[in-house]
Amino acid sequence: MQASDPRIHVYAGPDEGLYDALNKLALTISSGYFFVIGSGDKLLPDLEKILTEIRYSSDCGQVSYANAIFLENKNARFVPSLDALDRHMSIPHPGFIMPIELFRQLGGFDTRYRISADYDLIVRARFDNKNNLLLRNNNTLVSFKGGGMSEICSEEAQIENALIQLRNGLRTKRSVLNQLAIFLVNMQLRDGL
């Protein structure tokens, strides 16, 4: 799919950050599926096959996730893990496809999170409503580069992830506070304070 493809539409307008912009973009979509790829990501030929399988499956209307190729790691295949989602971002956002109706029901991206709103959305899709079945698709949807905000601001991302886990009942307040205390001590040791 190229930028010149007639199915590609560009929307622009004022926003208060990436996730606010994506929420506003989602309001322009009347039906279908929502997923996010970055400027360095590349959709692979399996996309149409994946979307066709989702569309005609008996679980149509549910969330699907697929493999991704991580270019920064010698083109290693990133195989998402639903089992690890309660501990970390184990499904990269470029490999996650959600019906636009469900995206709206979940309230879209929570803009309180500057870096990890994608992780929060995936966690809410999985754990807030047990009827949101996440379907594993063994095809490869996208290749993506590292170096995004979660890597550039990894310390802030770790804090946000812990708060997301707490908010969604995946961790206790005590375990999050312990993790944050250890994290802060390690930061001080690293920075020579």
C-alpha atoms as a PDB file:
ATOM      1  CA  MET A   1       0.000   0.000   0.000  1.00  0.00           C
ATOM      2  CA  GLN A   2       1.453   3.334  -1.060  1.00  0.00           C
ATOM      3  CA  ALA A   3       0.589   6.884   0.027  1.00  0.00           C
ATOM      4  CA  SER A   4      -0.937   7.409  -3.422  1.00  0.00           C
ATOM      5  CA  ASP A   5      -3.433   4.582  -2.819  1.00  0.00           C
ATOM      6  CA  PRO A   6      -6.992   6.016  -3.036  1.00  0.00           C
ATOM      7  CA  ARG A   7      -7.851   4.163   0.189  1.00  0.00           C
ATOM      8  CA  ILE A   8      -5.357   6.362   2.077  1.00  0.00           C
ATOM      9  CA  HIS A   9      -6.777   9.585   3.515  1.00  0.00           C
ATOM     10  CA  VAL A  10      -4.789  12.264   5.325  1.00  0.00           C
ATOM     11  CA  TYR A  11      -6.394  14.209   8.159  1.00  0.00           C
ATOM     12  CA  ALA A  12      -4.804  17.162   9.900  1.00  0.00           C
ATOM     13  CA  GLY A  13      -5.882  19.455  12.699  1.00  0.00           C
ATOM     14  CA  PRO A  14      -4.945  20.800  16.124  1.00  0.00           C
ATOM     15  CA  ASP A  15      -4.310  18.264  18.866  1.00  0.00           C
ATOM     16  CA  GLU A  16      -2.762  17.913  22.298  1.00  0.00           C
ATOM     17  CA  GLY A  17      -0.325  15.133  21.474  1.00  0.00           C
ATOM     18  CA  LEU A  18      -0.084  11.863  19.576  1.00  0.00           C
ATOM     19  CA  TYR A  19      -2.840   9.958  21.366  1.00  0.00           C
ATOM     20  CA  ASP A  20      -5.236  12.908  21.252  1.00  0.00           C
ATOM     21  CA  ALA A  21      -4.596  13.137  17.504  1.00  0.00           C
ATOM     22  CA  LEU A  22      -5.284   9.416  17.079  1.00  0.00           C
ATOM     23  CA  ASN A  23      -8.518   9.700  19.084  1.00  0.00           C
ATOM     24  CA  LYS A  24      -9.620  12.574  16.836  1.00  0.00           C
ATOM     25  CA  LEU A  25      -8.703  10.578  13.760  1.00  0.00           C
ATOM     26  CA  ALA A  26     -10.794   7.644  15.006  1.00  0.00           C
ATOM     27  CA  LEU A  27     -13.833   9.925  15.089  1.00  0.00           C
ATOM     28  CA  THR A  28     -13.557  10.286  11.296  1.00  0.00           C
ATOM     29  CA  ILE A  29     -13.803   6.513  10.724  1.00  0.00           C
ATOM     30  CA  SER A  30     -17.354   5.281  10.224  1.00  0.00           C
ATOM     31  CA  SER A  31     -16.750   1.513  10.276  1.00  0.00           C
ATOM     32  CA  GLY A  32     -14.064  -1.096   9.964  1.00  0.00           C
ATOM     33  CA  TYR A  33     -10.873  -1.637  11.890  1.00  0.00           C
ATOM     34  CA  PHE A  34      -8.401   0.621  13.637  1.00  0.00           C
ATOM     35  CA  PHE A  35      -4.682   0.044  14.006  1.00  0.00           C
ATOM     36  CA  VAL A  36      -1.661   2.277  14.320  1.00  0.00           C
ATOM     37  CA  ILE A  37       1.581   2.108  12.416  1.00  0.00           C
ATOM     38  CA  GLY A  38       4.453   4.541  12.751  1.00  0.00           C
ATOM     39  CA  SER A  39       6.221   6.522  10.065  1.00  0.00           C
ATOM     40  CA  GLY A  40       9.025   3.945   9.789  1.00  0.00           C
ATOM     41  CA  ASP A  41       6.703   0.933   9.810  1.00  0.00           C
ATOM     42  CA  LYS A  42       5.812  -1.005   6.685  1.00  0.00           C
ATOM     43  CA  LEU A  43       2.629  -2.961   6.076  1.00  0.00           C
ATOM     44  CA  LEU A  44       3.403  -6.385   4.659  1.00  0.00           C
ATOM     45  CA  PRO A  45       1.522  -8.401   2.017  1.00  0.00           C
ATOM     46  CA  ASP A  46      -0.252 -10.493   4.685  1.00  0.00           C
ATOM     47  CA  LEU A  47      -2.365  -7.425   5.639  1.00  0.00           C
ATOM     48  CA  GLU A  48      -5.158  -8.118   3.168  1.00  0.00           C
ATOM     49  CA  LYS A  49      -5.155 -11.825   4.095  1.00  0.00           C
ATOM     50  CA  ILE A  50      -5.366 -10.954   7.804  1.00  0.00           C
ATOM     51  CA  LEU A  51      -8.197  -8.452   7.286  1.00  0.00           C
ATOM     52  CA  THR A  52     -10.104 -10.946   5.111  1.00  0.00           C
ATOM     53  CA  GLU A  53      -9.725 -13.666   7.764  1.00  0.00           C
ATOM     54  CA  ILE A  54     -10.933 -11.297  10.474  1.00  0.00           C
ATOM     55  CA  ARG A  55     -13.860 -10.105   8.382  1.00  0.00           C
ATOM     56  CA  TYR A  56     -15.131 -13.592   7.583  1.00  0.00           C
ATOM     57  CA  SER A  57     -14.351 -15.319  10.857  1.00  0.00           C
ATOM     58  CA  SER A  58     -17.108 -16.323  13.247  1.00  0.00           C
ATOM     59  CA  ASP A  59     -15.435 -14.010  15.776  1.00  0.00           C
ATOM     60  CA  CYS A  60     -15.806 -10.963  13.543  1.00  0.00           C
ATOM     61  CA  GLY A  61     -15.886  -7.799  15.582  1.00  0.00           C
ATOM     62  CA  GLN A  62     -13.256  -8.960  18.027  1.00  0.00           C
ATOM     63  CA  VAL A  63      -9.653  -7.891  18.464  1.00  0.00           C
ATOM     64  CA  SER A  64      -6.894  -9.574  16.493  1.00  0.00           C
ATOM     65  CA  TYR A  65      -3.141  -9.466  16.844  1.00  0.00           C
ATOM     66  CA  ALA A  66      -0.445 -10.686  14.497  1.00  0.00           C
ATOM     67  CA  ASN A  67       3.295 -11.149  14.195  1.00  0.00           C
ATOM     68  CA  ALA A  68       5.547  -8.229  13.417  1.00  0.00           C
ATOM     69  CA  ILE A  69       9.132  -8.070  12.186  1.00  0.00           C
ATOM     70  CA  PHE A  70      11.441  -5.980  14.359  1.00  0.00           C
ATOM     71  CA  LEU A  71      13.918  -4.365  11.947  1.00  0.00           C
ATOM     72  CA  GLU A  72      16.277  -3.092  14.659  1.00  0.00           C
ATOM     73  CA  ASN A  73      16.913  -6.645  15.839  1.00  0.00           C
ATOM     74  CA  LYS A  74      18.214  -8.265  12.626  1.00  0.00           C
ATOM     75  CA  ASN A  75      14.666  -8.598  11.266  1.00  0.00           C
ATOM     76  CA  ALA A  76      13.681 -10.854  14.149  1.00  0.00           C
ATOM     77  CA  ARG A  77      10.056 -11.928  14.109  1.00  0.00           C
ATOM     78  CA  PHE A  78       8.188 -10.476  17.087  1.00  0.00           C
ATOM     79  CA  VAL A  79       5.664 -13.107  18.160  1.00  0.00           C
ATOM     80  CA  PRO A  80       3.161 -11.433  20.482  1.00  0.00           C
ATOM     81  CA  SER A  81       2.316 -13.095  23.768  1.00  0.00           C
ATOM     82  CA  LEU A  82      -1.118 -12.703  25.265  1.00  0.00           C
ATOM     83  CA  ASP A  83       0.073 -14.468  28.430  1.00  0.00           C
ATOM     84  CA  ALA A  84       2.688 -11.777  29.144  1.00  0.00           C
ATOM     85  CA  LEU A  85       0.372  -8.815  28.515  1.00  0.00           C
ATOM     86  CA  ASP A  86      -0.322  -8.397  32.228  1.00  0.00           C
ATOM     87  CA  ARG A  87       3.414  -7.780  32.824  1.00  0.00           C
ATOM     88  CA  HIS A  88       4.575  -5.734  29.821  1.00  0.00           C
ATOM     89  CA  MET A  89       3.763  -4.569  26.296  1.00  0.00           C
ATOM     90  CA  SER A  90       3.922  -8.023  24.749  1.00  0.00           C
ATOM     91  CA  ILE A  91       1.819  -7.114  21.715  1.00  0.00           C
ATOM     92  CA  PRO A  92       3.334  -4.223  19.739  1.00  0.00           C
ATOM     93  CA  HIS A  93       0.777  -1.684  18.565  1.00  0.00           C
ATOM     94  CA  PRO A  94       1.662  -2.187  14.884  1.00  0.00           C
ATOM     95  CA  GLY A  95       0.470  -5.798  15.185  1.00  0.00           C
ATOM     96  CA  PHE A  96      -2.837  -5.033  16.896  1.00  0.00           C
ATOM     97  CA  ILE A  97      -6.107  -4.618  14.979  1.00  0.00           C
ATOM     98  CA  MET A  98      -9.311  -3.495  16.715  1.00  0.00           C
ATOM     99  CA  PRO A  99     -12.840  -2.876  15.418  1.00  0.00           C
ATOM    100  CA  ILE A 100     -13.453   0.878  15.446  1.00  0.00           C
ATOM    101  CA  GLU A 101     -16.681   0.325  17.408  1.00  0.00           C
ATOM    102  CA  LEU A 102     -14.746  -1.378  20.223  1.00  0.00           C
ATOM    103  CA  PHE A 103     -12.101   1.356  20.151  1.00  0.00           C
ATOM    104  CA  ARG A 104     -14.875   3.876  20.777  1.00  0.00           C
ATOM    105  CA  GLN A 105     -16.570   1.737  23.462  1.00  0.00           C
ATOM    106  CA  LEU A 106     -13.271   1.591  25.339  1.00  0.00           C
ATOM    107  CA  GLY A 107     -12.971   5.377  25.114  1.00  0.00           C
ATOM    108  CA  GLY A 108     -10.002   5.296  22.733  1.00  0.00           C
ATOM    109  CA  PHE A 109      -6.532   6.102  23.970  1.00  0.00           C
ATOM    110  CA  ASP A 110      -6.300   7.430  27.519  1.00  0.00           C
ATOM    111  CA  THR A 111      -4.432  10.691  27.023  1.00  0.00           C
ATOM    112  CA  ARG A 112      -3.291  10.738  30.655  1.00  0.00           C
ATOM    113  CA  TYR A 113      -0.518   8.445  29.419  1.00  0.00           C
ATOM    114  CA  ARG A 114       1.963  10.286  27.217  1.00  0.00           C
ATOM    115  CA  ILE A 115       3.927   7.183  26.188  1.00  0.00           C
ATOM    116  CA  SER A 116       2.036   4.027  27.089  1.00  0.00           C
ATOM    117  CA  ALA A 117      -1.536   4.805  26.029  1.00  0.00           C
ATOM    118  CA  ASP A 118      -1.245   2.063  23.388  1.00  0.00           C
ATOM    119  CA  TYR A 119      -0.357  -0.493  26.078  1.00  0.00           C
ATOM    120  CA  ASP A 120      -3.256   0.769  28.201  1.00  0.00           C
ATOM    121  CA  LEU A 121      -5.709   0.353  25.306  1.00  0.00           C
ATOM    122  CA  ILE A 122      -4.545  -3.192  24.588  1.00  0.00           C
ATOM    123  CA  VAL A 123      -4.753  -4.108  28.294  1.00  0.00           C
ATOM    124  CA  ARG A 124      -8.268  -2.642  28.568  1.00  0.00           C
ATOM    125  CA  ALA A 125      -9.348  -4.500  25.428  1.00  0.00           C
ATOM    126  CA  ARG A 126      -8.116  -7.737  26.982  1.00  0.00           C
ATOM    127  CA  PHE A 127      -8.991  -7.378  30.655  1.00  0.00           C
ATOM    128  CA  ASP A 128     -11.811  -4.813  31.063  1.00  0.00           C
ATOM    129  CA  ASN A 129     -14.345  -6.897  29.215  1.00  0.00           C
ATOM    130  CA  LYS A 130     -13.871 -10.646  29.172  1.00  0.00           C
ATOM    131  CA  ASN A 131     -16.033 -10.765  26.026  1.00  0.00           C
ATOM    132  CA  ASN A 132     -13.279  -9.016  24.058  1.00  0.00           C
ATOM    133  CA  LEU A 133     -11.710 -12.101  22.604  1.00  0.00           C
ATOM    134  CA  LEU A 134      -8.198 -11.524  21.328  1.00  0.00           C
ATOM    135  CA  LEU A 135      -7.608 -13.665  18.273  1.00  0.00           C
ATOM    136  CA  ARG A 136      -4.090 -14.749  17.427  1.00  0.00           C
ATOM    137  CA  ASN A 137      -3.261 -14.523  13.732  1.00  0.00           C
ATOM    138  CA  ASN A 138      -0.066 -16.311  12.686  1.00  0.00           C
ATOM    139  CA  ASN A 139       0.519 -14.100   9.664  1.00  0.00           C
ATOM    140  CA  THR A 140       2.962 -11.193   9.745  1.00  0.00           C
ATOM    141  CA  LEU A 141       1.262  -7.819   9.532  1.00  0.00           C
ATOM    142  CA  VAL A 142       4.038  -5.241   9.684  1.00  0.00           C
ATOM    143  CA  SER A 143       7.742  -4.597   9.957  1.00  0.00           C
ATOM    144  CA  PHE A 144       8.655  -1.869  12.408  1.00  0.00           C
ATOM    145  CA  LYS A 145      11.659   0.027  13.680  1.00  0.00           C
ATOM    146  CA  GLY A 146      12.640   0.525  17.285  1.00  0.00           C
ATOM    147  CA  GLY A 147      13.429   3.847  18.835  1.00  0.00           C
ATOM    148  CA  GLY A 148       9.892   4.964  19.527  1.00  0.00           C
ATOM    149  CA  MET A 149       8.818   6.958  22.550  1.00  0.00           C
ATOM    150  CA  SER A 150       8.722   3.911  24.819  1.00  0.00           C
ATOM    151  CA  GLU A 151      12.435   3.374  24.152  1.00  0.00           C
ATOM    152  CA  ILE A 152      13.464   7.024  24.118  1.00  0.00           C
ATOM    153  CA  CYS A 153      11.626   7.673  27.408  1.00  0.00           C
ATOM    154  CA  SER A 154      11.915   4.160  28.819  1.00  0.00           C
ATOM    155  CA  GLU A 155      11.929   5.288  32.459  1.00  0.00           C
ATOM    156  CA  GLU A 156       8.692   7.222  32.057  1.00  0.00           C
ATOM    157  CA  ALA A 157       7.226   4.308  30.082  1.00  0.00           C
ATOM    158  CA  GLN A 158       8.029   1.887  32.920  1.00  0.00           C
ATOM    159  CA  ILE A 159       6.277   4.159  35.417  1.00  0.00           C
ATOM    160  CA  GLU A 160       3.239   4.521  33.148  1.00  0.00           C
ATOM    161  CA  ASN A 161       3.131   0.750  32.577  1.00  0.00           C
ATOM    162  CA  ALA A 162       3.121   0.110  36.335  1.00  0.00           C
ATOM    163  CA  LEU A 163       0.271   2.613  36.782  1.00  0.00           C
ATOM    164  CA  ILE A 164      -1.680   0.984  33.927  1.00  0.00           C
ATOM    165  CA  GLN A 165      -1.240  -2.422  35.538  1.00  0.00           C
ATOM    166  CA  LEU A 166      -2.445  -1.015  38.868  1.00  0.00           C
ATOM    167  CA  ARG A 167      -5.428   0.759  37.306  1.00  0.00           C
ATOM    168  CA  ASN A 168      -6.495  -2.409  35.501  1.00  0.00           C
ATOM    169  CA  GLY A 169      -6.176  -4.647  38.557  1.00  0.00           C
ATOM    170  CA  LEU A 170      -3.179  -6.578  37.255  1.00  0.00           C
ATOM    171  CA  ARG A 171      -0.920  -5.556  40.135  1.00  0.00           C
ATOM    172  CA  THR A 172      -1.414  -4.557  43.746  1.00  0.00           C
ATOM    173  CA  LYS A 173      -0.656  -1.069  44.985  1.00  0.00           C
ATOM    174  CA  ARG A 174       2.114  -2.497  47.163  1.00  0.00           C
ATOM    175  CA  SER A 175       3.876  -4.266  44.275  1.00  0.00           C
ATOM    176  CA  VAL A 176       3.703  -1.110  42.122  1.00  0.00           C
ATOM    177  CA  LEU A 177       5.077   1.044  44.950  1.00  0.00           C
ATOM    178  CA  ASN A 178       7.890  -1.460  45.536  1.00  0.00           C
ATOM    179  CA  GLN A 179       8.760  -1.441  41.841  1.00  0.00           C
ATOM    180  CA  LEU A 180       8.715   2.350  41.697  1.00  0.00           C
ATOM    181  CA  ALA A 181      10.923   2.620  44.805  1.00  0.00           C
ATOM    182  CA  ILE A 182      13.485   0.215  43.316  1.00  0.00           C
ATOM    183  CA  PHE A 183      13.273   2.081  40.032  1.00  0.00           C
ATOM    184  CA  LEU A 184      13.939   5.454  41.697  1.00  0.00           C
ATOM    185  CA  VAL A 185      16.905   4.091  43.692  1.00  0.00           C
ATOM    186  CA  ASN A 186      18.393   2.623  40.511  1.00  0.00           C
ATOM    187  CA  MET A 187      17.952   5.981  38.742  1.00  0.00           C
ATOM    188  CA  GLN A 188      19.751   7.765  41.567  1.00  0.00           C
ATOM    189  CA  LEU A 189      22.584   5.225  41.545  1.00  0.00           C
ATOM    190  CA  ARG A 190      22.899   5.504  37.786  1.00  0.00           C
ATOM    191  CA  ASP A 191      22.973   9.296  37.898  1.00  0.00           C
ATOM    192  CA  GLY A 192      25.494   9.310  40.757  1.00  0.00           C
ATOM    193  CA  LEU A 193      23.217  10.967  43.289  1.00  0.00           C
END
